[in-house]
């Protein structure tokens, strides 16, 4: 935690294409999900609500679909009424860059582009967002400079054991990996 978020490598955006390098000043919540994952599908309605509820507070929510099963991503997005943008991971490059170990796997990135939490449970995303919004309230302006580093208060919202989270520490606080996606759902691609 406290490291710059790596770029994402995704394709096939559904909805508005997202570019982490252009989201400075926004808080970002990435939902790493899979079409074959029951808990991921069950979490979509809640994640839709989070995306809508926090949009006016400078929070962007988008999904990255696991490479395995990505061929059914478009139909899943439509049938499950996923309202936030999502894209397919390219050869699991984004999942590897973020250390995804289970599905769904949520990553919280602060307004400076620093990873503040990885491995969030879907039912704790709002708690983590509220904590970060207290620290970095929305002002309507993009911020510059380096992030303030990670806070240990997010640990209570994480999934997995302490040793699982320790393995993830190599990517926490690093730049989010580039998303290499082909088709965005629910939005037009940005260039």
N, C-alpha and C. Protein backbone atom coordinates (compact mmCIF):
# COMPACT_ATOMS: atom_id res chain seq x y z
N UNK A 1 0.85 -1.18 0.00
CA UNK A 1 0.00 0.00 0.00
C UNK A 1 0.89 1.24 0.00
N UNK A 2 0.33 2.33 -0.46
CA UNK A 2 1.09 3.55 -0.51
C UNK A 2 2.00 3.65 -1.71
N UNK A 3 1.85 2.73 -2.67
CA UNK A 3 2.65 2.75 -3.89
C UNK A 3 1.76 3.16 -5.06
N UNK A 4 2.38 3.72 -6.10
CA UNK A 4 1.63 4.18 -7.26
C UNK A 4 0.95 3.00 -7.94
N UNK A 5 -0.30 3.20 -8.35
CA UNK A 5 -1.08 2.14 -9.00
C UNK A 5 -0.51 1.84 -10.38
N UNK A 6 -0.24 0.55 -10.69
CA UNK A 6 0.28 0.21 -12.01
C UNK A 6 -0.78 0.37 -13.10
N UNK A 7 -0.33 0.56 -14.32
CA UNK A 7 -1.24 0.68 -15.46
C UNK A 7 -1.96 -0.64 -15.67
N UNK A 8 -3.14 -0.56 -16.26
CA UNK A 8 -3.94 -1.75 -16.53
C UNK A 8 -3.79 -2.16 -17.99
N UNK A 9 -3.83 -3.46 -18.26
CA UNK A 9 -3.79 -3.98 -19.62
C UNK A 9 -5.11 -4.69 -19.87
N UNK A 10 -6.04 -3.98 -20.52
CA UNK A 10 -7.37 -4.51 -20.76
C UNK A 10 -7.81 -4.20 -22.19
N UNK A 11 -8.91 -4.83 -22.60
CA UNK A 11 -9.46 -4.61 -23.94
C UNK A 11 -10.97 -4.74 -23.89
N UNK A 12 -11.62 -4.38 -24.96
CA UNK A 12 -13.06 -4.57 -25.12
C UNK A 12 -13.88 -3.85 -24.07
N UNK A 13 -13.61 -2.56 -23.88
CA UNK A 13 -14.35 -1.77 -22.89
C UNK A 13 -15.84 -1.80 -23.19
N UNK A 14 -16.61 -2.01 -22.16
CA UNK A 14 -18.06 -1.89 -22.20
C UNK A 14 -18.38 -0.71 -21.29
N UNK A 15 -18.92 0.34 -21.84
CA UNK A 15 -19.10 1.56 -21.08
C UNK A 15 -17.92 2.48 -21.35
N UNK A 16 -17.85 3.56 -20.60
CA UNK A 16 -16.80 4.56 -20.82
C UNK A 16 -15.43 3.99 -20.49
N UNK A 17 -14.53 4.05 -21.46
CA UNK A 17 -13.16 3.57 -21.24
C UNK A 17 -12.49 4.40 -20.16
N UNK A 18 -11.75 3.73 -19.31
CA UNK A 18 -11.07 4.39 -18.20
C UNK A 18 -9.56 4.33 -18.39
N UNK A 19 -8.89 5.42 -18.11
CA UNK A 19 -7.43 5.50 -18.18
C UNK A 19 -6.95 6.04 -16.85
N UNK A 20 -6.28 5.20 -16.08
CA UNK A 20 -5.85 5.61 -14.74
C UNK A 20 -5.00 6.87 -14.76
N UNK A 21 -4.21 7.04 -15.82
CA UNK A 21 -3.35 8.22 -15.87
C UNK A 21 -4.15 9.51 -15.98
N UNK A 22 -5.40 9.42 -16.42
CA UNK A 22 -6.25 10.60 -16.56
C UNK A 22 -7.20 10.78 -15.38
N UNK A 23 -7.09 9.95 -14.37
CA UNK A 23 -8.03 10.00 -13.25
C UNK A 23 -7.43 10.60 -11.99
N UNK A 24 -6.33 11.31 -12.13
CA UNK A 24 -5.74 11.97 -10.96
C UNK A 24 -6.75 12.96 -10.41
N UNK A 25 -6.90 12.96 -9.11
CA UNK A 25 -7.92 13.80 -8.48
C UNK A 25 -9.20 13.04 -8.20
N UNK A 26 -9.31 11.83 -8.75
CA UNK A 26 -10.47 10.97 -8.51
C UNK A 26 -10.03 9.81 -7.62
N UNK A 27 -10.94 9.33 -6.80
CA UNK A 27 -10.72 8.07 -6.10
C UNK A 27 -11.22 6.99 -7.04
N UNK A 28 -10.47 5.90 -7.15
CA UNK A 28 -10.81 4.82 -8.08
C UNK A 28 -11.02 3.53 -7.30
N UNK A 29 -12.12 2.85 -7.61
CA UNK A 29 -12.39 1.52 -7.07
C UNK A 29 -12.46 0.56 -8.26
N UNK A 30 -11.53 -0.39 -8.32
CA UNK A 30 -11.50 -1.37 -9.41
C UNK A 30 -12.07 -2.68 -8.88
N UNK A 31 -13.04 -3.21 -9.61
CA UNK A 31 -13.66 -4.50 -9.30
C UNK A 31 -13.07 -5.54 -10.25
N UNK A 32 -12.15 -6.36 -9.77
CA UNK A 32 -11.65 -7.49 -10.55
C UNK A 32 -12.66 -8.62 -10.37
N UNK A 33 -13.29 -9.03 -11.47
CA UNK A 33 -14.38 -10.00 -11.39
C UNK A 33 -14.25 -11.02 -12.50
N UNK A 34 -15.08 -12.05 -12.45
CA UNK A 34 -15.07 -13.10 -13.46
C UNK A 34 -16.51 -13.51 -13.78
N UNK A 35 -16.73 -13.87 -15.03
CA UNK A 35 -18.08 -14.25 -15.46
C UNK A 35 -18.53 -15.56 -14.82
N UNK A 36 -17.59 -16.40 -14.44
CA UNK A 36 -17.89 -17.71 -13.86
C UNK A 36 -17.92 -17.68 -12.33
N UNK A 37 -17.74 -16.52 -11.74
CA UNK A 37 -17.62 -16.38 -10.29
C UNK A 37 -18.96 -15.97 -9.67
N UNK A 38 -19.59 -16.88 -8.93
CA UNK A 38 -20.87 -16.60 -8.29
C UNK A 38 -20.85 -15.38 -7.39
N UNK A 39 -19.86 -15.25 -6.48
CA UNK A 39 -19.81 -14.07 -5.62
C UNK A 39 -19.62 -12.77 -6.41
N UNK A 40 -18.89 -12.84 -7.54
CA UNK A 40 -18.71 -11.65 -8.38
C UNK A 40 -20.05 -11.20 -8.95
N UNK A 41 -20.80 -12.14 -9.49
CA UNK A 41 -22.10 -11.84 -10.09
C UNK A 41 -23.05 -11.32 -9.01
N UNK A 42 -23.02 -11.94 -7.84
CA UNK A 42 -23.89 -11.51 -6.75
C UNK A 42 -23.55 -10.10 -6.28
N UNK A 43 -22.30 -9.67 -6.44
CA UNK A 43 -21.86 -8.35 -5.97
C UNK A 43 -22.18 -7.23 -6.96
N UNK A 44 -22.55 -7.55 -8.19
CA UNK A 44 -22.79 -6.52 -9.21
C UNK A 44 -23.85 -5.50 -8.78
N UNK A 45 -25.01 -5.90 -8.27
CA UNK A 45 -25.99 -4.89 -7.86
C UNK A 45 -25.45 -3.92 -6.81
N UNK A 46 -24.72 -4.44 -5.84
CA UNK A 46 -24.14 -3.56 -4.81
C UNK A 46 -23.09 -2.63 -5.42
N UNK A 47 -22.26 -3.16 -6.30
CA UNK A 47 -21.23 -2.33 -6.92
C UNK A 47 -21.87 -1.28 -7.82
N UNK A 48 -22.98 -1.61 -8.49
CA UNK A 48 -23.74 -0.60 -9.24
C UNK A 48 -24.16 0.53 -8.32
N UNK A 49 -24.69 0.18 -7.14
CA UNK A 49 -25.14 1.19 -6.17
C UNK A 49 -23.97 2.06 -5.70
N UNK A 50 -22.84 1.44 -5.42
CA UNK A 50 -21.66 2.18 -4.97
C UNK A 50 -21.22 3.16 -6.05
N UNK A 51 -21.18 2.69 -7.30
CA UNK A 51 -20.76 3.56 -8.41
C UNK A 51 -21.66 4.78 -8.52
N UNK A 52 -22.96 4.57 -8.42
CA UNK A 52 -23.91 5.68 -8.53
C UNK A 52 -23.83 6.60 -7.31
N UNK A 53 -23.79 6.02 -6.13
CA UNK A 53 -23.80 6.80 -4.89
C UNK A 53 -22.58 7.70 -4.74
N UNK A 54 -21.42 7.23 -5.16
CA UNK A 54 -20.18 7.96 -4.92
C UNK A 54 -19.68 8.76 -6.12
N UNK A 55 -20.37 8.68 -7.24
CA UNK A 55 -19.92 9.39 -8.44
C UNK A 55 -19.76 10.89 -8.19
N UNK A 56 -20.72 11.49 -7.50
CA UNK A 56 -20.67 12.93 -7.25
C UNK A 56 -19.63 13.31 -6.20
N UNK A 57 -19.00 12.32 -5.60
CA UNK A 57 -17.94 12.58 -4.62
C UNK A 57 -16.56 12.37 -5.23
N UNK A 58 -16.52 12.30 -6.57
CA UNK A 58 -15.23 12.13 -7.24
C UNK A 58 -14.69 10.73 -7.17
N UNK A 59 -15.59 9.73 -7.20
CA UNK A 59 -15.18 8.33 -7.16
C UNK A 59 -15.56 7.68 -8.49
N UNK A 60 -14.58 7.02 -9.11
CA UNK A 60 -14.81 6.26 -10.34
C UNK A 60 -14.75 4.78 -9.99
N UNK A 61 -15.75 4.04 -10.45
CA UNK A 61 -15.79 2.59 -10.25
C UNK A 61 -15.77 1.95 -11.63
N UNK A 62 -14.91 0.96 -11.81
CA UNK A 62 -14.96 0.18 -13.05
C UNK A 62 -14.46 -1.22 -12.78
N UNK A 63 -14.78 -2.11 -13.72
CA UNK A 63 -14.44 -3.51 -13.56
C UNK A 63 -13.39 -3.98 -14.53
N UNK A 64 -12.68 -5.02 -14.14
CA UNK A 64 -11.74 -5.71 -15.01
C UNK A 64 -12.11 -7.19 -14.93
N UNK A 65 -12.57 -7.72 -16.06
CA UNK A 65 -13.03 -9.11 -16.13
C UNK A 65 -11.85 -10.05 -16.36
N UNK A 66 -11.84 -11.12 -15.62
CA UNK A 66 -10.81 -12.16 -15.74
C UNK A 66 -10.73 -12.65 -17.18
N UNK A 67 -9.52 -12.94 -17.64
CA UNK A 67 -9.31 -13.43 -19.00
C UNK A 67 -10.12 -14.71 -19.24
N UNK A 68 -10.07 -15.64 -18.28
CA UNK A 68 -10.84 -16.88 -18.42
C UNK A 68 -12.32 -16.54 -18.31
N UNK A 69 -13.08 -16.84 -19.32
CA UNK A 69 -14.50 -16.54 -19.33
C UNK A 69 -14.85 -15.20 -19.94
N UNK A 70 -13.83 -14.46 -20.39
CA UNK A 70 -14.07 -13.12 -20.94
C UNK A 70 -14.90 -13.17 -22.22
N UNK A 71 -14.95 -14.32 -22.87
CA UNK A 71 -15.75 -14.43 -24.10
C UNK A 71 -17.24 -14.23 -23.81
N UNK A 72 -17.67 -14.40 -22.57
CA UNK A 72 -19.07 -14.17 -22.21
C UNK A 72 -19.26 -12.86 -21.44
N UNK A 73 -18.23 -12.03 -21.42
CA UNK A 73 -18.31 -10.78 -20.65
C UNK A 73 -19.44 -9.88 -21.15
N UNK A 74 -19.54 -9.68 -22.45
CA UNK A 74 -20.55 -8.76 -22.99
C UNK A 74 -21.95 -9.22 -22.60
N UNK A 75 -22.23 -10.50 -22.79
CA UNK A 75 -23.57 -10.99 -22.45
C UNK A 75 -23.82 -10.94 -20.94
N UNK A 76 -22.78 -11.17 -20.15
CA UNK A 76 -22.93 -11.10 -18.69
C UNK A 76 -23.20 -9.66 -18.25
N UNK A 77 -22.46 -8.72 -18.81
CA UNK A 77 -22.66 -7.29 -18.49
C UNK A 77 -24.10 -6.90 -18.77
N UNK A 78 -24.62 -7.35 -19.92
CA UNK A 78 -26.00 -6.99 -20.29
C UNK A 78 -27.02 -7.72 -19.43
N UNK A 79 -26.86 -9.03 -19.26
CA UNK A 79 -27.87 -9.80 -18.53
C UNK A 79 -27.89 -9.47 -17.04
N UNK A 80 -26.76 -9.12 -16.50
CA UNK A 80 -26.69 -8.79 -15.06
C UNK A 80 -26.82 -7.29 -14.81
N UNK A 81 -27.03 -6.54 -15.90
CA UNK A 81 -27.26 -5.09 -15.80
C UNK A 81 -26.13 -4.36 -15.07
N UNK A 82 -24.90 -4.70 -15.44
CA UNK A 82 -23.74 -4.01 -14.88
C UNK A 82 -23.73 -2.60 -15.45
N UNK A 83 -23.80 -1.60 -14.58
CA UNK A 83 -23.92 -0.22 -15.00
C UNK A 83 -22.60 0.54 -15.01
N UNK A 84 -21.57 0.00 -14.40
CA UNK A 84 -20.27 0.67 -14.39
C UNK A 84 -19.41 0.09 -15.51
N UNK A 85 -18.49 0.90 -16.05
CA UNK A 85 -17.65 0.42 -17.16
C UNK A 85 -16.84 -0.80 -16.75
N UNK A 86 -16.62 -1.67 -17.71
CA UNK A 86 -15.79 -2.85 -17.46
C UNK A 86 -15.07 -3.23 -18.74
N UNK A 87 -13.97 -3.92 -18.59
CA UNK A 87 -13.17 -4.35 -19.72
C UNK A 87 -12.57 -5.71 -19.40
N UNK A 88 -12.12 -6.39 -20.45
CA UNK A 88 -11.52 -7.71 -20.28
C UNK A 88 -10.02 -7.57 -20.07
N UNK A 89 -9.50 -8.29 -19.09
CA UNK A 89 -8.07 -8.32 -18.84
C UNK A 89 -7.38 -8.99 -20.03
N UNK A 90 -6.18 -8.54 -20.36
CA UNK A 90 -5.41 -9.13 -21.44
C UNK A 90 -4.40 -10.10 -20.84
N UNK A 91 -4.62 -11.38 -21.10
CA UNK A 91 -3.73 -12.43 -20.60
C UNK A 91 -3.49 -12.33 -19.09
N UNK A 92 -4.51 -11.89 -18.37
CA UNK A 92 -4.43 -11.72 -16.90
C UNK A 92 -3.30 -10.80 -16.46
N UNK A 93 -2.83 -9.92 -17.36
CA UNK A 93 -1.73 -9.01 -17.03
C UNK A 93 -2.11 -8.06 -15.91
N UNK A 94 -3.33 -7.53 -15.94
CA UNK A 94 -3.76 -6.59 -14.90
C UNK A 94 -3.92 -7.31 -13.56
N UNK A 95 -4.53 -8.49 -13.60
CA UNK A 95 -4.71 -9.26 -12.37
C UNK A 95 -3.35 -9.58 -11.74
N UNK A 96 -2.38 -9.93 -12.57
CA UNK A 96 -1.05 -10.22 -12.05
C UNK A 96 -0.40 -8.96 -11.49
N UNK A 97 -0.55 -7.84 -12.19
CA UNK A 97 0.07 -6.59 -11.73
C UNK A 97 -0.49 -6.15 -10.39
N UNK A 98 -1.75 -6.46 -10.13
CA UNK A 98 -2.39 -6.08 -8.87
C UNK A 98 -2.39 -7.20 -7.84
N UNK A 99 -1.83 -8.35 -8.19
CA UNK A 99 -1.75 -9.45 -7.24
C UNK A 99 -3.08 -10.07 -6.90
N UNK A 100 -3.99 -10.11 -7.87
CA UNK A 100 -5.32 -10.68 -7.62
C UNK A 100 -5.17 -12.16 -7.28
N UNK A 101 -5.75 -12.56 -6.16
CA UNK A 101 -5.65 -13.94 -5.71
C UNK A 101 -7.00 -14.62 -5.59
N UNK A 102 -8.08 -13.85 -5.63
CA UNK A 102 -9.44 -14.40 -5.53
C UNK A 102 -10.38 -13.45 -6.25
N UNK A 103 -11.60 -13.90 -6.42
CA UNK A 103 -12.61 -13.12 -7.14
C UNK A 103 -13.85 -12.99 -6.27
N UNK A 104 -14.54 -11.90 -6.18
CA UNK A 104 -14.09 -10.59 -6.67
C UNK A 104 -12.97 -10.05 -5.78
N UNK A 105 -12.20 -9.15 -6.34
CA UNK A 105 -11.03 -8.57 -5.68
C UNK A 105 -11.09 -7.07 -5.97
N UNK A 106 -11.29 -6.29 -4.94
CA UNK A 106 -11.43 -4.84 -5.11
C UNK A 106 -10.15 -4.12 -4.71
N UNK A 107 -9.79 -3.12 -5.51
CA UNK A 107 -8.60 -2.30 -5.26
C UNK A 107 -9.06 -0.85 -5.13
N UNK A 108 -8.57 -0.17 -4.11
CA UNK A 108 -8.90 1.23 -3.86
C UNK A 108 -7.67 2.09 -4.12
N UNK A 109 -7.82 3.07 -5.01
CA UNK A 109 -6.73 3.97 -5.39
C UNK A 109 -7.13 5.38 -5.00
N UNK A 110 -6.22 6.10 -4.35
CA UNK A 110 -6.56 7.44 -3.87
C UNK A 110 -6.44 8.50 -4.97
N UNK A 111 -6.72 9.73 -4.62
CA UNK A 111 -6.75 10.83 -5.58
C UNK A 111 -5.38 11.14 -6.18
N UNK A 112 -4.33 10.64 -5.57
CA UNK A 112 -2.97 10.85 -6.07
C UNK A 112 -2.50 9.68 -6.93
N UNK A 113 -3.35 8.67 -7.12
CA UNK A 113 -2.98 7.51 -7.91
C UNK A 113 -2.23 6.45 -7.13
N UNK A 114 -2.32 6.52 -5.81
CA UNK A 114 -1.64 5.56 -4.95
C UNK A 114 -2.61 4.47 -4.49
N UNK A 115 -2.14 3.23 -4.49
CA UNK A 115 -2.96 2.12 -4.00
C UNK A 115 -3.09 2.25 -2.49
N UNK A 116 -4.31 2.27 -2.03
CA UNK A 116 -4.57 2.40 -0.60
C UNK A 116 -5.06 1.11 0.01
N UNK A 117 -5.67 0.23 -0.78
CA UNK A 117 -6.13 -1.06 -0.28
C UNK A 117 -6.27 -2.02 -1.45
N UNK A 118 -5.88 -3.26 -1.23
CA UNK A 118 -6.11 -4.32 -2.21
C UNK A 118 -6.76 -5.49 -1.50
N UNK A 119 -7.54 -6.24 -2.24
CA UNK A 119 -8.20 -7.40 -1.65
C UNK A 119 -9.40 -7.04 -0.80
N UNK A 120 -9.99 -5.88 -1.06
CA UNK A 120 -11.19 -5.49 -0.31
C UNK A 120 -12.31 -6.48 -0.57
N UNK A 121 -13.09 -6.75 0.45
CA UNK A 121 -14.30 -7.56 0.30
C UNK A 121 -15.39 -6.65 -0.26
N UNK A 122 -16.27 -7.20 -1.06
CA UNK A 122 -17.31 -6.39 -1.69
C UNK A 122 -18.20 -5.69 -0.67
N UNK A 123 -18.44 -6.33 0.47
CA UNK A 123 -19.32 -5.72 1.47
C UNK A 123 -18.61 -4.65 2.31
N UNK A 124 -17.33 -4.44 2.08
CA UNK A 124 -16.57 -3.43 2.83
C UNK A 124 -16.08 -2.28 1.95
N UNK A 125 -16.46 -2.29 0.68
CA UNK A 125 -15.97 -1.23 -0.20
C UNK A 125 -16.45 0.14 0.24
N UNK A 126 -17.71 0.25 0.66
CA UNK A 126 -18.22 1.55 1.09
C UNK A 126 -17.53 2.03 2.36
N UNK A 127 -17.27 1.13 3.29
CA UNK A 127 -16.57 1.52 4.51
C UNK A 127 -15.19 2.10 4.17
N UNK A 128 -14.47 1.41 3.28
CA UNK A 128 -13.14 1.88 2.89
C UNK A 128 -13.23 3.21 2.13
N UNK A 129 -14.22 3.33 1.25
CA UNK A 129 -14.40 4.60 0.53
C UNK A 129 -14.69 5.74 1.50
N UNK A 130 -15.55 5.50 2.46
CA UNK A 130 -15.89 6.55 3.43
C UNK A 130 -14.67 6.98 4.24
N UNK A 131 -13.83 6.01 4.62
CA UNK A 131 -12.60 6.34 5.35
C UNK A 131 -11.70 7.23 4.49
N UNK A 132 -11.54 6.85 3.22
CA UNK A 132 -10.67 7.62 2.33
C UNK A 132 -11.27 8.99 2.03
N UNK A 133 -12.58 9.07 1.90
CA UNK A 133 -13.23 10.36 1.65
C UNK A 133 -13.08 11.32 2.84
N UNK A 134 -12.99 10.78 4.04
CA UNK A 134 -12.72 11.65 5.20
C UNK A 134 -11.34 12.27 5.07
N UNK A 135 -10.40 11.47 4.60
CA UNK A 135 -9.01 11.92 4.46
C UNK A 135 -8.82 12.78 3.21
N UNK A 136 -9.51 12.41 2.14
CA UNK A 136 -9.38 13.11 0.86
C UNK A 136 -10.76 13.49 0.33
N UNK A 137 -11.40 14.48 0.95
CA UNK A 137 -12.74 14.87 0.49
C UNK A 137 -12.68 15.43 -0.94
N UNK A 138 -13.81 15.31 -1.61
CA UNK A 138 -13.89 15.79 -2.99
C UNK A 138 -13.99 17.30 -3.01
N UNK A 139 -13.11 17.92 -3.78
CA UNK A 139 -13.12 19.39 -3.92
C UNK A 139 -13.53 19.81 -5.31
N UNK A 140 -13.65 18.85 -6.22
CA UNK A 140 -13.99 19.17 -7.60
C UNK A 140 -12.78 19.51 -8.43
N UNK A 141 -11.59 19.48 -7.84
CA UNK A 141 -10.37 19.81 -8.57
C UNK A 141 -9.40 18.63 -8.49
N UNK A 142 -8.66 18.43 -9.59
CA UNK A 142 -7.62 17.41 -9.58
C UNK A 142 -6.48 17.88 -8.70
N UNK A 143 -5.85 16.94 -8.03
CA UNK A 143 -4.73 17.27 -7.15
C UNK A 143 -3.43 16.88 -7.82
N UNK A 144 -2.35 17.47 -7.36
CA UNK A 144 -1.05 17.11 -7.89
C UNK A 144 -0.15 16.69 -6.75
N UNK A 145 0.96 16.08 -7.11
CA UNK A 145 1.92 15.68 -6.08
C UNK A 145 1.76 14.22 -5.72
N UNK A 146 2.54 13.81 -4.77
CA UNK A 146 2.54 12.42 -4.35
C UNK A 146 1.47 12.16 -3.31
N UNK A 147 1.05 10.92 -3.22
CA UNK A 147 0.06 10.52 -2.23
C UNK A 147 0.63 10.54 -0.83
N UNK A 148 -0.23 10.46 0.11
CA UNK A 148 0.20 10.52 1.50
C UNK A 148 0.59 9.15 2.04
N UNK A 149 0.54 8.13 1.19
CA UNK A 149 0.90 6.80 1.66
C UNK A 149 -0.30 6.06 2.18
N UNK A 150 -0.12 4.78 2.42
CA UNK A 150 -1.24 3.95 2.84
C UNK A 150 -1.48 4.05 4.33
N UNK A 151 -2.69 3.78 4.69
CA UNK A 151 -3.05 3.79 6.10
C UNK A 151 -3.42 2.38 6.52
N UNK A 152 -3.05 2.02 7.72
CA UNK A 152 -3.35 0.68 8.21
C UNK A 152 -4.83 0.52 8.55
N UNK A 153 -5.59 1.61 8.61
CA UNK A 153 -7.00 1.49 8.97
C UNK A 153 -7.80 0.68 7.95
N UNK A 154 -7.27 0.51 6.73
CA UNK A 154 -7.98 -0.25 5.71
C UNK A 154 -7.84 -1.76 5.92
N UNK A 155 -6.90 -2.20 6.73
CA UNK A 155 -6.66 -3.63 6.92
C UNK A 155 -7.90 -4.37 7.38
N UNK A 156 -8.75 -3.74 8.17
CA UNK A 156 -9.94 -4.41 8.69
C UNK A 156 -10.95 -4.74 7.59
N UNK A 157 -10.81 -4.13 6.41
CA UNK A 157 -11.74 -4.36 5.32
C UNK A 157 -11.22 -5.38 4.31
N UNK A 158 -10.04 -5.89 4.52
CA UNK A 158 -9.40 -6.76 3.55
C UNK A 158 -9.81 -8.21 3.73
N UNK A 159 -9.76 -8.93 2.63
CA UNK A 159 -10.05 -10.35 2.64
C UNK A 159 -8.72 -11.09 2.66
N UNK A 160 -8.73 -12.30 3.14
CA UNK A 160 -7.52 -13.10 3.18
C UNK A 160 -6.77 -12.93 4.48
N UNK A 161 -5.79 -13.78 4.66
CA UNK A 161 -5.01 -13.75 5.89
C UNK A 161 -3.95 -12.66 5.84
N UNK A 162 -3.33 -12.43 6.97
CA UNK A 162 -2.25 -11.44 7.05
C UNK A 162 -1.12 -11.83 6.09
N UNK A 163 -0.80 -13.13 5.98
CA UNK A 163 0.27 -13.56 5.07
C UNK A 163 -0.13 -13.35 3.62
N UNK A 164 -1.42 -13.55 3.28
CA UNK A 164 -1.89 -13.27 1.92
C UNK A 164 -1.66 -11.80 1.60
N UNK A 165 -2.03 -10.94 2.53
CA UNK A 165 -1.88 -9.50 2.31
C UNK A 165 -0.41 -9.10 2.23
N UNK A 166 0.44 -9.78 3.00
CA UNK A 166 1.87 -9.48 2.96
C UNK A 166 2.42 -9.74 1.56
N UNK A 167 1.95 -10.83 0.91
CA UNK A 167 2.39 -11.14 -0.45
C UNK A 167 1.96 -10.05 -1.43
N UNK A 168 0.83 -9.41 -1.15
CA UNK A 168 0.33 -8.34 -2.02
C UNK A 168 1.09 -7.04 -1.83
N UNK A 169 1.83 -6.92 -0.77
CA UNK A 169 2.48 -5.64 -0.46
C UNK A 169 3.47 -5.22 -1.53
N UNK A 170 3.96 -6.16 -2.35
CA UNK A 170 4.89 -5.80 -3.42
C UNK A 170 4.26 -4.88 -4.45
N UNK A 171 2.95 -4.97 -4.63
CA UNK A 171 2.31 -4.11 -5.63
C UNK A 171 1.57 -2.94 -5.02
N UNK A 172 1.26 -3.02 -3.75
CA UNK A 172 0.51 -1.95 -3.13
C UNK A 172 1.33 -0.67 -3.13
N UNK A 173 0.69 0.39 -3.53
CA UNK A 173 1.36 1.68 -3.57
C UNK A 173 2.11 1.92 -4.86
N UNK A 174 2.10 0.95 -5.77
CA UNK A 174 2.75 1.14 -7.07
C UNK A 174 1.71 1.65 -8.06
N UNK A 175 2.16 2.24 -9.18
CA UNK A 175 1.20 2.70 -10.18
C UNK A 175 0.32 1.54 -10.66
N UNK A 176 -0.94 1.83 -10.88
CA UNK A 176 -1.85 0.81 -11.40
C UNK A 176 -1.37 0.41 -12.79
N UNK A 177 -1.37 -0.90 -13.10
CA UNK A 177 -0.93 -1.32 -14.43
C UNK A 177 -1.88 -0.79 -15.50
N UNK A 178 -1.35 -0.59 -16.70
CA UNK A 178 -2.17 -0.11 -17.80
C UNK A 178 -3.23 -1.15 -18.12
N UNK A 179 -4.41 -0.67 -18.46
CA UNK A 179 -5.48 -1.56 -18.90
C UNK A 179 -5.34 -1.72 -20.40
N UNK A 180 -5.15 -2.93 -20.86
CA UNK A 180 -5.13 -3.17 -22.29
C UNK A 180 -6.42 -3.90 -22.62
N UNK A 181 -7.38 -3.15 -23.13
CA UNK A 181 -8.69 -3.71 -23.42
C UNK A 181 -9.04 -3.47 -24.87
N UNK A 182 -9.92 -4.27 -25.39
CA UNK A 182 -10.38 -4.10 -26.75
C UNK A 182 -11.71 -3.39 -26.81
N UNK A 183 -12.70 -3.88 -26.10
CA UNK A 183 -14.04 -3.30 -26.16
C UNK A 183 -14.52 -2.93 -24.78
N UNK A 184 -14.99 -1.68 -24.66
CA UNK A 184 -15.59 -1.22 -23.41
C UNK A 184 -17.09 -1.46 -23.51
N UNK A 185 -17.71 -1.81 -22.40
CA UNK A 185 -19.15 -1.96 -22.34
C UNK A 185 -19.70 -0.82 -21.50
N UNK A 186 -20.87 -0.34 -21.84
CA UNK A 186 -21.55 0.75 -21.13
C UNK A 186 -20.90 2.10 -21.35
N UNK A 187 -20.05 2.25 -22.37
CA UNK A 187 -19.42 3.54 -22.62
C UNK A 187 -18.68 3.49 -23.95
N UNK A 188 -18.33 4.66 -24.44
CA UNK A 188 -17.50 4.73 -25.63
C UNK A 188 -16.04 4.83 -25.19
N UNK A 189 -15.12 4.25 -25.96
CA UNK A 189 -13.71 4.31 -25.59
C UNK A 189 -13.17 5.74 -25.61
N UNK A 190 -12.29 6.03 -24.67
CA UNK A 190 -11.59 7.31 -24.65
C UNK A 190 -10.22 7.09 -25.28
N UNK A 191 -9.73 8.08 -25.95
CA UNK A 191 -8.39 7.93 -26.54
C UNK A 191 -7.44 8.92 -25.94
